[in-house]
Amino acid sequence: MTVEVRPASVFADVRAVLGPKSPTANVCWCLSYRVPSKLNQELRGPARGDYVAELCRTGTPIGVLAYDGGEPVGWAAVAPRADTSFARSRKIPHVDDLPVWSLWCIRVRPGHRKQGISHALITGAVDFARAHGAPAIEAYPLDNGDARVDLTMAYAGIRKNFERAGFTHAADTTSVLSGHPRVLMRLDLR
């Protein structure tokens, strides 16, 4: 298997990884941290996918996708922290005033898990942020030790995967996801 990570700019590929089986389903589409809370609540069903399609048509790609033989098999959301709700979070602290980027969601499609794709996505997100001038990148994974994590809530990633990618613990948070504390992990890109 050869995994290639590329900017997420093709909506059909983003839909293949993030989209619902039913077009009317109300799934995240990885918008929860990307858009203001009010807009996030207003976007329902197909409107969420339409919003992501518009993002794909304009501006900087909205993250990175992992491909296996041309098939999209994984996703990582990465953007400047200032463009996310993490900029205003009371639970996830700011370590300093650097204009860091945030990596907040990793998703690997069923049938492709446990093949190193999440590691490739973390590396690809770091490379993407670096190419766009990020001085550092942060992630907010679960600090689960060896405890099992519910796959639905594993989108934040787990601490040891970020440690393997060179991230270091920068701060504790008061955020808890699926019963596990989240930590702020950081990688300096300067």
C-alpha atoms as a PDB file:
ATOM      1  CA  MET A   1       0.000   0.000   0.000  1.00  0.00           C
ATOM      2  CA  THR A   2       1.287   3.430  -0.953  1.00  0.00           C
ATOM      3  CA  VAL A   3      -0.441   6.291   0.847  1.00  0.00           C
ATOM      4  CA  GLU A   4      -0.221   9.759  -0.650  1.00  0.00           C
ATOM      5  CA  VAL A   5      -1.435  12.823   1.264  1.00  0.00           C
ATOM      6  CA  ARG A   6      -2.660  15.825  -0.728  1.00  0.00           C
ATOM      7  CA  PRO A   7      -4.519  19.081  -0.003  1.00  0.00           C
ATOM      8  CA  ALA A   8      -8.278  18.547   0.281  1.00  0.00           C
ATOM      9  CA  SER A   9      -9.596  20.633  -2.570  1.00  0.00           C
ATOM     10  CA  VAL A  10     -11.717  18.126  -4.525  1.00  0.00           C
ATOM     11  CA  PHE A  11     -15.183  18.041  -2.978  1.00  0.00           C
ATOM     12  CA  ALA A  12     -16.064  14.568  -4.267  1.00  0.00           C
ATOM     13  CA  ASP A  13     -13.027  13.192  -2.423  1.00  0.00           C
ATOM     14  CA  VAL A  14     -13.861  15.092   0.772  1.00  0.00           C
ATOM     15  CA  ARG A  15     -17.449  13.798   0.531  1.00  0.00           C
ATOM     16  CA  ALA A  16     -16.161  10.213   0.149  1.00  0.00           C
ATOM     17  CA  VAL A  17     -14.454  10.455   3.550  1.00  0.00           C
ATOM     18  CA  LEU A  18     -16.674  12.875   5.512  1.00  0.00           C
ATOM     19  CA  GLY A  19     -20.068  12.720   3.836  1.00  0.00           C
ATOM     20  CA  PRO A  20     -23.058  10.748   5.093  1.00  0.00           C
ATOM     21  CA  LYS A  21     -24.468   7.638   3.447  1.00  0.00           C
ATOM     22  CA  SER A  22     -27.831   9.403   3.264  1.00  0.00           C
ATOM     23  CA  PRO A  23     -27.645  12.861   1.650  1.00  0.00           C
ATOM     24  CA  THR A  24     -30.186  14.245   4.126  1.00  0.00           C
ATOM     25  CA  ALA A  25     -28.301  13.077   7.240  1.00  0.00           C
ATOM     26  CA  ASN A  26     -27.015  15.726   9.591  1.00  0.00           C
ATOM     27  CA  VAL A  27     -23.320  14.848  10.029  1.00  0.00           C
ATOM     28  CA  CYS A  28     -20.438  17.054  11.159  1.00  0.00           C
ATOM     29  CA  TRP A  29     -18.584  17.437   7.822  1.00  0.00           C
ATOM     30  CA  CYS A  30     -15.770  18.686  10.094  1.00  0.00           C
ATOM     31  CA  LEU A  31     -17.453  22.071  10.433  1.00  0.00           C
ATOM     32  CA  SER A  32     -18.010  22.124  14.206  1.00  0.00           C
ATOM     33  CA  TYR A  33     -14.691  23.821  14.988  1.00  0.00           C
ATOM     34  CA  ARG A  34     -14.359  25.591  11.632  1.00  0.00           C
ATOM     35  CA  VAL A  35     -17.445  27.822  11.662  1.00  0.00           C
ATOM     36  CA  PRO A  36     -19.009  29.996  14.362  1.00  0.00           C
ATOM     37  CA  SER A  37     -21.367  28.141  16.710  1.00  0.00           C
ATOM     38  CA  LYS A  38     -24.485  29.927  15.416  1.00  0.00           C
ATOM     39  CA  LEU A  39     -23.728  28.989  11.806  1.00  0.00           C
ATOM     40  CA  ASN A  40     -22.867  25.447  12.867  1.00  0.00           C
ATOM     41  CA  GLN A  41     -26.335  25.132  14.433  1.00  0.00           C
ATOM     42  CA  GLU A  42     -28.055  26.657  11.375  1.00  0.00           C
ATOM     43  CA  LEU A  43     -26.417  24.346   8.833  1.00  0.00           C
ATOM     44  CA  ARG A  44     -28.559  21.210   8.740  1.00  0.00           C
ATOM     45  CA  GLY A  45     -28.542  18.148   6.498  1.00  0.00           C
ATOM     46  CA  PRO A  46     -27.491  18.816   2.890  1.00  0.00           C
ATOM     47  CA  ALA A  47     -26.655  22.470   3.708  1.00  0.00           C
ATOM     48  CA  ARG A  48     -23.578  21.245   5.572  1.00  0.00           C
ATOM     49  CA  GLY A  49     -22.260  19.432   2.505  1.00  0.00           C
ATOM     50  CA  ASP A  50     -23.100  22.432   0.321  1.00  0.00           C
ATOM     51  CA  TYR A  51     -21.071  24.651   2.650  1.00  0.00           C
ATOM     52  CA  VAL A  52     -18.061  22.319   2.435  1.00  0.00           C
ATOM     53  CA  ALA A  53     -18.415  22.176  -1.366  1.00  0.00           C
ATOM     54  CA  GLU A  54     -18.210  25.973  -1.463  1.00  0.00           C
ATOM     55  CA  LEU A  55     -15.137  25.954   0.789  1.00  0.00           C
ATOM     56  CA  CYS A  56     -13.487  23.488  -1.607  1.00  0.00           C
ATOM     57  CA  ARG A  57     -14.135  25.833  -4.532  1.00  0.00           C
ATOM     58  CA  THR A  58     -12.611  28.888  -2.859  1.00  0.00           C
ATOM     59  CA  GLY A  59      -9.419  29.742  -1.045  1.00  0.00           C
ATOM     60  CA  THR A  60      -6.987  27.504   0.757  1.00  0.00           C
ATOM     61  CA  PRO A  61      -7.832  23.782   0.868  1.00  0.00           C
ATOM     62  CA  ILE A  62      -9.721  22.891   4.052  1.00  0.00           C
ATOM     63  CA  GLY A  63      -7.403  20.111   5.168  1.00  0.00           C
ATOM     64  CA  VAL A  64      -5.594  17.130   3.715  1.00  0.00           C
ATOM     65  CA  LEU A  65      -6.739  13.796   2.328  1.00  0.00           C
ATOM     66  CA  ALA A  66      -4.909  10.474   2.284  1.00  0.00           C
ATOM     67  CA  TYR A  67      -5.185   8.435  -0.901  1.00  0.00           C
ATOM     68  CA  ASP A  68      -4.482   4.758  -1.418  1.00  0.00           C
ATOM     69  CA  GLY A  69      -4.124   4.074  -5.126  1.00  0.00           C
ATOM     70  CA  GLY A  70      -6.180   7.149  -5.975  1.00  0.00           C
ATOM     71  CA  GLU A  71      -8.990   6.280  -3.544  1.00  0.00           C
ATOM     72  CA  PRO A  72      -9.576   8.819  -0.739  1.00  0.00           C
ATOM     73  CA  VAL A  73      -9.199   6.869   2.521  1.00  0.00           C
ATOM     74  CA  GLY A  74      -8.517   9.468   5.214  1.00  0.00           C
ATOM     75  CA  TRP A  75      -8.920  13.090   6.258  1.00  0.00           C
ATOM     76  CA  ALA A  76      -7.210  15.576   8.561  1.00  0.00           C
ATOM     77  CA  ALA A  77      -8.627  19.025   9.329  1.00  0.00           C
ATOM     78  CA  VAL A  78      -5.909  21.653   9.544  1.00  0.00           C
ATOM     79  CA  ALA A  79      -6.184  25.447   9.437  1.00  0.00           C
ATOM     80  CA  PRO A  80      -4.878  28.552  11.154  1.00  0.00           C
ATOM     81  CA  ARG A  81      -6.120  28.485  14.759  1.00  0.00           C
ATOM     82  CA  ALA A  82      -7.381  32.046  14.260  1.00  0.00           C
ATOM     83  CA  ASP A  83      -9.874  30.659  11.712  1.00  0.00           C
ATOM     84  CA  THR A  84     -11.312  28.103  14.157  1.00  0.00           C
ATOM     85  CA  SER A  85     -13.259  28.110  17.392  1.00  0.00           C
ATOM     86  CA  PHE A  86     -10.028  27.117  19.173  1.00  0.00           C
ATOM     87  CA  ALA A  87      -9.091  30.804  18.897  1.00  0.00           C
ATOM     88  CA  ARG A  88     -11.863  31.561  21.407  1.00  0.00           C
ATOM     89  CA  SER A  89     -11.889  28.357  23.445  1.00  0.00           C
ATOM     90  CA  ARG A  90     -12.036  28.595  27.222  1.00  0.00           C
ATOM     91  CA  LYS A  91     -11.064  24.925  27.578  1.00  0.00           C
ATOM     92  CA  ILE A  92      -8.046  24.780  25.246  1.00  0.00           C
ATOM     93  CA  PRO A  93      -5.442  27.362  26.345  1.00  0.00           C
ATOM     94  CA  HIS A  94      -3.180  29.494  24.204  1.00  0.00           C
ATOM     95  CA  VAL A  95       0.463  28.760  24.975  1.00  0.00           C
ATOM     96  CA  ASP A  96       1.691  32.020  23.449  1.00  0.00           C
ATOM     97  CA  ASP A  97       0.798  34.560  20.767  1.00  0.00           C
ATOM     98  CA  LEU A  98       2.297  32.697  17.788  1.00  0.00           C
ATOM     99  CA  PRO A  99      -0.122  32.447  14.839  1.00  0.00           C
ATOM    100  CA  VAL A 100      -0.202  28.644  15.133  1.00  0.00           C
ATOM    101  CA  TRP A 101      -2.240  26.245  13.055  1.00  0.00           C
ATOM    102  CA  SER A 102      -4.616  23.680  14.539  1.00  0.00           C
ATOM    103  CA  LEU A 103      -4.964  20.024  13.585  1.00  0.00           C
ATOM    104  CA  TRP A 104      -8.205  18.885  15.182  1.00  0.00           C
ATOM    105  CA  CYS A 105      -9.717  15.973  13.299  1.00  0.00           C
ATOM    106  CA  ILE A 106      -8.356  12.760  11.840  1.00  0.00           C
ATOM    107  CA  ARG A 107     -10.664  10.293  10.147  1.00  0.00           C
ATOM    108  CA  VAL A 108      -9.782   7.032   8.416  1.00  0.00           C
ATOM    109  CA  ARG A 109     -12.467   5.212   6.458  1.00  0.00           C
ATOM    110  CA  PRO A 110     -13.587   1.786   7.663  1.00  0.00           C
ATOM    111  CA  GLY A 111     -11.641  -0.963   5.951  1.00  0.00           C
ATOM    112  CA  HIS A 112      -8.493   1.175   5.897  1.00  0.00           C
ATOM    113  CA  ARG A 113      -7.780   1.493   9.621  1.00  0.00           C
ATOM    114  CA  LYS A 114      -4.694   0.110  11.397  1.00  0.00           C
ATOM    115  CA  GLN A 115      -2.573   0.595   8.266  1.00  0.00           C
ATOM    116  CA  GLY A 116      -0.647   3.737   9.268  1.00  0.00           C
ATOM    117  CA  ILE A 117      -2.975   6.158   7.511  1.00  0.00           C
ATOM    118  CA  SER A 118      -3.504   8.344  10.586  1.00  0.00           C
ATOM    119  CA  HIS A 119       0.279   8.706  10.885  1.00  0.00           C
ATOM    120  CA  ALA A 120       0.496   9.704   7.210  1.00  0.00           C
ATOM    121  CA  LEU A 121      -2.316  12.224   7.763  1.00  0.00           C
ATOM    122  CA  ILE A 122      -0.537  13.842  10.716  1.00  0.00           C
ATOM    123  CA  THR A 123       2.665  14.135   8.664  1.00  0.00           C
ATOM    124  CA  GLY A 124       0.713  15.487   5.685  1.00  0.00           C
ATOM    125  CA  ALA A 125      -1.079  18.065   7.840  1.00  0.00           C
ATOM    126  CA  VAL A 126       2.252  19.212   9.298  1.00  0.00           C
ATOM    127  CA  ASP A 127       3.731  19.535   5.797  1.00  0.00           C
ATOM    128  CA  PHE A 128       0.654  21.448   4.621  1.00  0.00           C
ATOM    129  CA  ALA A 129       0.807  23.898   7.547  1.00  0.00           C
ATOM    130  CA  ARG A 130       4.558  24.375   7.051  1.00  0.00           C
ATOM    131  CA  ALA A 131       4.066  25.047   3.306  1.00  0.00           C
ATOM    132  CA  HIS A 132       1.530  27.748   4.212  1.00  0.00           C
ATOM    133  CA  GLY A 133       3.930  29.505   6.595  1.00  0.00           C
ATOM    134  CA  ALA A 134       2.743  28.178   9.951  1.00  0.00           C
ATOM    135  CA  PRO A 135       5.370  28.775  12.648  1.00  0.00           C
ATOM    136  CA  ALA A 136       3.943  25.912  14.731  1.00  0.00           C
ATOM    137  CA  ILE A 137       1.084  23.432  14.670  1.00  0.00           C
ATOM    138  CA  GLU A 138      -1.063  22.295  17.577  1.00  0.00           C
ATOM    139  CA  ALA A 139      -3.318  19.306  18.119  1.00  0.00           C
ATOM    140  CA  TYR A 140      -5.720  18.537  20.949  1.00  0.00           C
ATOM    141  CA  PRO A 141      -5.724  14.723  21.180  1.00  0.00           C
ATOM    142  CA  LEU A 142      -7.072  12.411  23.842  1.00  0.00           C
ATOM    143  CA  ASP A 143      -4.661  11.444  26.599  1.00  0.00           C
ATOM    144  CA  ASN A 144      -6.086   7.938  26.902  1.00  0.00           C
ATOM    145  CA  GLY A 145      -3.023   5.997  28.076  1.00  0.00           C
ATOM    146  CA  ASP A 146      -3.777   2.427  27.040  1.00  0.00           C
ATOM    147  CA  ALA A 147      -7.560   2.723  27.466  1.00  0.00           C
ATOM    148  CA  ARG A 148      -9.814   2.008  24.506  1.00  0.00           C
ATOM    149  CA  VAL A 149     -11.329   4.994  22.738  1.00  0.00           C
ATOM    150  CA  ASP A 150     -14.759   4.941  21.144  1.00  0.00           C
ATOM    151  CA  LEU A 151     -14.136   5.297  17.382  1.00  0.00           C
ATOM    152  CA  THR A 152     -16.841   7.941  17.064  1.00  0.00           C
ATOM    153  CA  MET A 153     -14.937  10.189  19.449  1.00  0.00           C
ATOM    154  CA  ALA A 154     -11.434   9.245  18.308  1.00  0.00           C
ATOM    155  CA  TYR A 155     -11.483  12.030  15.705  1.00  0.00           C
ATOM    156  CA  ALA A 156      -9.262  14.181  17.938  1.00  0.00           C
ATOM    157  CA  GLY A 157      -6.496  11.582  17.696  1.00  0.00           C
ATOM    158  CA  ILE A 158      -4.555  10.087  20.540  1.00  0.00           C
ATOM    159  CA  ARG A 159      -1.545  11.531  22.294  1.00  0.00           C
ATOM    160  CA  LYS A 160       0.929   8.768  21.413  1.00  0.00           C
ATOM    161  CA  ASN A 161       0.338   9.201  17.672  1.00  0.00           C
ATOM    162  CA  PHE A 162       1.253  12.864  17.954  1.00  0.00           C
ATOM    163  CA  GLU A 163       4.284  12.064  20.099  1.00  0.00           C
ATOM    164  CA  ARG A 164       5.467   9.660  17.372  1.00  0.00           C
ATOM    165  CA  ALA A 165       5.178  12.549  14.904  1.00  0.00           C
ATOM    166  CA  GLY A 166       7.433  14.775  17.039  1.00  0.00           C
ATOM    167  CA  PHE A 167       4.752  16.797  18.857  1.00  0.00           C
ATOM    168  CA  THR A 168       5.397  17.533  22.523  1.00  0.00           C
ATOM    169  CA  HIS A 169       3.027  18.185  25.397  1.00  0.00           C
ATOM    170  CA  ALA A 170       2.598  21.954  25.633  1.00  0.00           C
ATOM    171  CA  ALA A 171      -0.287  22.272  28.098  1.00  0.00           C
ATOM    172  CA  ASP A 172      -3.098  20.481  29.834  1.00  0.00           C
ATOM    173  CA  THR A 173      -6.645  21.490  28.933  1.00  0.00           C
ATOM    174  CA  THR A 174      -9.981  21.330  30.718  1.00  0.00           C
ATOM    175  CA  SER A 175     -11.530  19.668  27.658  1.00  0.00           C
ATOM    176  CA  VAL A 176     -12.713  16.076  28.026  1.00  0.00           C
ATOM    177  CA  LEU A 177     -13.878  13.905  25.154  1.00  0.00           C
ATOM    178  CA  SER A 178     -15.458  10.483  25.592  1.00  0.00           C
ATOM    179  CA  GLY A 179     -14.257  10.399  29.209  1.00  0.00           C
ATOM    180  CA  HIS A 180     -10.622  11.128  28.327  1.00  0.00           C
ATOM    181  CA  PRO A 181      -8.800  14.397  28.991  1.00  0.00           C
ATOM    182  CA  ARG A 182      -7.479  16.241  25.966  1.00  0.00           C
ATOM    183  CA  VAL A 183      -3.978  17.692  25.969  1.00  0.00           C
ATOM    184  CA  LEU A 184      -2.430  20.416  23.851  1.00  0.00           C
ATOM    185  CA  MET A 185       0.380  18.947  21.773  1.00  0.00           C
ATOM    186  CA  ARG A 186       2.624  21.183  19.717  1.00  0.00           C
ATOM    187  CA  LEU A 187       5.265  20.978  17.012  1.00  0.00           C
ATOM    188  CA  ASP A 188       7.473  23.964  16.257  1.00  0.00           C
ATOM    189  CA  LEU A 189       7.924  24.436  12.496  1.00  0.00           C
ATOM    190  CA  ARG A 190      10.480  27.262  12.557  1.00  0.00           C
END
